[in-house]
Amino acid sequence: MSDKVTHVGENDFQEIVVDSEVPVVVDFWAPWCGPCLAIGSVIEELADDYDGKVKFVKVNTDEARNIAIKYGIMSIPTLKLLKGGEVVDSISGAAPKDYFVEWIDKALV
């Protein structure tokens, strides 16, 4: 796993995600979810591509249920992009890398 993708839980979500100075892509996932695992390498590549511009974190919905509930996660994988602690966009499901690049770039404008 890329050292640029951080696993966060209920104890550090506020500090790492909500209080972040840079936009954050939150990947809500679970280890038993096939599509979640399928996009794992894409998330790592994106973390490298956007290094310094966007922070990438993973939240295991089995371990951080309260965060998943707070953000209305109904299916996984779901990615949410937060700027200034607020959700500005979200997408659900697996997709190719260029789809995620387009989504991130559009949300950062």
C-alpha atoms as a PDB file:
ATOM      1  CA  MET A   1       0.000   0.000   0.000  1.00  0.00           C
ATOM      2  CA  SER A   2       1.119   3.523  -0.764  1.00  0.00           C
ATOM      3  CA  ASP A   3       2.297   5.464   2.246  1.00  0.00           C
ATOM      4  CA  LYS A   4       0.225   8.341   0.869  1.00  0.00           C
ATOM      5  CA  VAL A   5      -3.078   6.562   1.640  1.00  0.00           C
ATOM      6  CA  THR A   6      -3.955   6.752   5.325  1.00  0.00           C
ATOM      7  CA  HIS A   7      -6.355   4.443   7.124  1.00  0.00           C
ATOM      8  CA  VAL A   8      -8.474   6.508   9.506  1.00  0.00           C
ATOM      9  CA  GLY A   9     -11.026   5.572  12.105  1.00  0.00           C
ATOM     10  CA  GLU A  10     -13.371   7.245  14.513  1.00  0.00           C
ATOM     11  CA  ASN A  11     -10.566   8.499  16.777  1.00  0.00           C
ATOM     12  CA  ASP A  12      -8.627  10.419  14.107  1.00  0.00           C
ATOM     13  CA  PHE A  13     -11.225  11.220  11.405  1.00  0.00           C
ATOM     14  CA  GLN A  14     -11.875  14.770  12.639  1.00  0.00           C
ATOM     15  CA  GLU A  15      -8.193  15.688  12.779  1.00  0.00           C
ATOM     16  CA  ILE A  16      -7.071  13.998   9.547  1.00  0.00           C
ATOM     17  CA  VAL A  17     -10.122  14.593   7.346  1.00  0.00           C
ATOM     18  CA  VAL A  18     -12.438  17.327   8.596  1.00  0.00           C
ATOM     19  CA  ASP A  19      -9.664  19.661   9.824  1.00  0.00           C
ATOM     20  CA  SER A  20      -7.445  19.107   6.758  1.00  0.00           C
ATOM     21  CA  GLU A  21      -5.971  22.158   5.034  1.00  0.00           C
ATOM     22  CA  VAL A  22      -6.156  20.380   1.660  1.00  0.00           C
ATOM     23  CA  PRO A  23      -9.095  18.579  -0.008  1.00  0.00           C
ATOM     24  CA  VAL A  24      -9.553  14.962   1.088  1.00  0.00           C
ATOM     25  CA  VAL A  25     -10.872  11.974  -0.845  1.00  0.00           C
ATOM     26  CA  VAL A  26     -12.395   9.503   1.603  1.00  0.00           C
ATOM     27  CA  ASP A  27     -12.700   5.930   0.335  1.00  0.00           C
ATOM     28  CA  PHE A  28     -15.389   4.141   2.347  1.00  0.00           C
ATOM     29  CA  TRP A  29     -14.650   0.432   1.972  1.00  0.00           C
ATOM     30  CA  ALA A  30     -14.544  -2.970   3.698  1.00  0.00           C
ATOM     31  CA  PRO A  31     -12.039  -5.830   3.334  1.00  0.00           C
ATOM     32  CA  TRP A  32     -14.748  -8.281   2.158  1.00  0.00           C
ATOM     33  CA  CYS A  33     -15.916  -5.957  -0.669  1.00  0.00           C
ATOM     34  CA  GLY A  34     -14.611  -7.097  -4.069  1.00  0.00           C
ATOM     35  CA  PRO A  35     -15.158  -3.782  -5.901  1.00  0.00           C
ATOM     36  CA  CYS A  36     -13.493  -1.970  -2.975  1.00  0.00           C
ATOM     37  CA  LEU A  37     -10.409  -4.128  -3.356  1.00  0.00           C
ATOM     38  CA  ALA A  38     -10.497  -3.687  -7.127  1.00  0.00           C
ATOM     39  CA  ILE A  39     -10.107   0.099  -6.871  1.00  0.00           C
ATOM     40  CA  GLY A  40      -7.495  -0.061  -4.109  1.00  0.00           C
ATOM     41  CA  SER A  41      -4.555   0.188  -6.509  1.00  0.00           C
ATOM     42  CA  VAL A  42      -6.282   3.041  -8.378  1.00  0.00           C
ATOM     43  CA  ILE A  43      -6.657   4.962  -5.103  1.00  0.00           C
ATOM     44  CA  GLU A  44      -2.941   4.462  -4.424  1.00  0.00           C
ATOM     45  CA  GLU A  45      -2.034   5.730  -7.911  1.00  0.00           C
ATOM     46  CA  LEU A  46      -4.266   8.764  -7.428  1.00  0.00           C
ATOM     47  CA  ALA A  47      -2.612   9.474  -4.072  1.00  0.00           C
ATOM     48  CA  ASP A  48       0.739   9.560  -5.868  1.00  0.00           C
ATOM     49  CA  ASP A  49      -0.623  11.689  -8.740  1.00  0.00           C
ATOM     50  CA  TYR A  50      -2.224  14.275  -6.440  1.00  0.00           C
ATOM     51  CA  ASP A  51       0.524  14.256  -3.796  1.00  0.00           C
ATOM     52  CA  GLY A  52       0.508  17.574  -1.959  1.00  0.00           C
ATOM     53  CA  LYS A  53      -2.766  18.698  -3.576  1.00  0.00           C
ATOM     54  CA  VAL A  54      -5.276  16.133  -2.279  1.00  0.00           C
ATOM     55  CA  LYS A  55      -5.135  13.809   0.717  1.00  0.00           C
ATOM     56  CA  PHE A  56      -6.442  10.230   0.314  1.00  0.00           C
ATOM     57  CA  VAL A  57      -7.818   8.237   3.235  1.00  0.00           C
ATOM     58  CA  LYS A  58      -9.617   4.933   3.636  1.00  0.00           C
ATOM     59  CA  VAL A  59     -12.373   4.331   6.180  1.00  0.00           C
ATOM     60  CA  ASN A  60     -13.269   0.715   6.925  1.00  0.00           C
ATOM     61  CA  THR A  61     -17.052   0.865   7.316  1.00  0.00           C
ATOM     62  CA  ASP A  62     -17.067  -2.259   9.501  1.00  0.00           C
ATOM     63  CA  GLU A  63     -14.740  -0.626  12.025  1.00  0.00           C
ATOM     64  CA  ALA A  64     -15.986   2.967  11.801  1.00  0.00           C
ATOM     65  CA  ARG A  65     -19.749   2.517  11.642  1.00  0.00           C
ATOM     66  CA  ASN A  66     -20.526   5.911  13.192  1.00  0.00           C
ATOM     67  CA  ILE A  67     -18.606   7.726  10.452  1.00  0.00           C
ATOM     68  CA  ALA A  68     -20.323   5.651   7.765  1.00  0.00           C
ATOM     69  CA  ILE A  69     -23.719   6.482   9.269  1.00  0.00           C
ATOM     70  CA  LYS A  70     -22.875  10.190   9.617  1.00  0.00           C
ATOM     71  CA  TYR A  71     -21.919  10.385   5.938  1.00  0.00           C
ATOM     72  CA  GLY A  72     -24.908   8.342   4.758  1.00  0.00           C
ATOM     73  CA  ILE A  73     -22.934   5.458   3.293  1.00  0.00           C
ATOM     74  CA  MET A  74     -25.471   3.038   1.813  1.00  0.00           C
ATOM     75  CA  SER A  75     -23.159   1.068  -0.472  1.00  0.00           C
ATOM     76  CA  ILE A  76     -19.436   0.568  -0.867  1.00  0.00           C
ATOM     77  CA  PRO A  77     -17.154   1.560  -2.337  1.00  0.00           C
ATOM     78  CA  THR A  78     -18.255   5.151  -1.936  1.00  0.00           C
ATOM     79  CA  LEU A  79     -15.818   8.015  -2.317  1.00  0.00           C
ATOM     80  CA  LYS A  80     -16.520  11.432  -0.859  1.00  0.00           C
ATOM     81  CA  LEU A  81     -14.487  14.552  -1.565  1.00  0.00           C
ATOM     82  CA  LEU A  82     -14.292  17.025   1.303  1.00  0.00           C
ATOM     83  CA  LYS A  83     -13.025  20.594   1.095  1.00  0.00           C
ATOM     84  CA  GLY A  84     -12.883  22.655   4.260  1.00  0.00           C
ATOM     85  CA  GLY A  85     -14.503  19.787   6.150  1.00  0.00           C
ATOM     86  CA  GLU A  86     -17.589  19.791   3.915  1.00  0.00           C
ATOM     87  CA  VAL A  87     -18.601  17.155   1.369  1.00  0.00           C
ATOM     88  CA  VAL A  88     -18.491  18.728  -2.091  1.00  0.00           C
ATOM     89  CA  ASP A  89     -19.111  15.591  -4.150  1.00  0.00           C
ATOM     90  CA  SER A  90     -19.407  11.818  -3.890  1.00  0.00           C
ATOM     91  CA  ILE A  91     -19.493   8.786  -6.147  1.00  0.00           C
ATOM     92  CA  SER A  92     -20.268   5.136  -5.551  1.00  0.00           C
ATOM     93  CA  GLY A  93     -18.971   2.025  -7.228  1.00  0.00           C
ATOM     94  CA  ALA A  94     -15.811   0.922  -8.950  1.00  0.00           C
ATOM     95  CA  ALA A  95     -14.606   2.779 -12.036  1.00  0.00           C
ATOM     96  CA  PRO A  96     -11.453   3.197 -14.111  1.00  0.00           C
ATOM     97  CA  LYS A  97      -8.770   5.643 -13.015  1.00  0.00           C
ATOM     98  CA  ASP A  98      -9.609   8.294 -15.630  1.00  0.00           C
ATOM     99  CA  TYR A  99     -13.168   8.481 -14.269  1.00  0.00           C
ATOM    100  CA  PHE A 100     -11.844   9.272 -10.780  1.00  0.00           C
ATOM    101  CA  VAL A 101      -9.353  11.814 -12.193  1.00  0.00           C
ATOM    102  CA  GLU A 102     -12.178  13.630 -14.001  1.00  0.00           C
ATOM    103  CA  TRP A 103     -14.316  13.539 -10.830  1.00  0.00           C
ATOM    104  CA  ILE A 104     -11.545  14.932  -8.628  1.00  0.00           C
ATOM    105  CA  ASP A 105     -10.499  17.613 -11.110  1.00  0.00           C
ATOM    106  CA  LYS A 106     -14.115  18.788 -11.540  1.00  0.00           C
ATOM    107  CA  ALA A 107     -14.631  18.993  -7.780  1.00  0.00           C
ATOM    108  CA  LEU A 108     -11.410  20.920  -7.186  1.00  0.00           C
ATOM    109  CA  VAL A 109     -12.339  23.792  -9.511  1.00  0.00           C
END
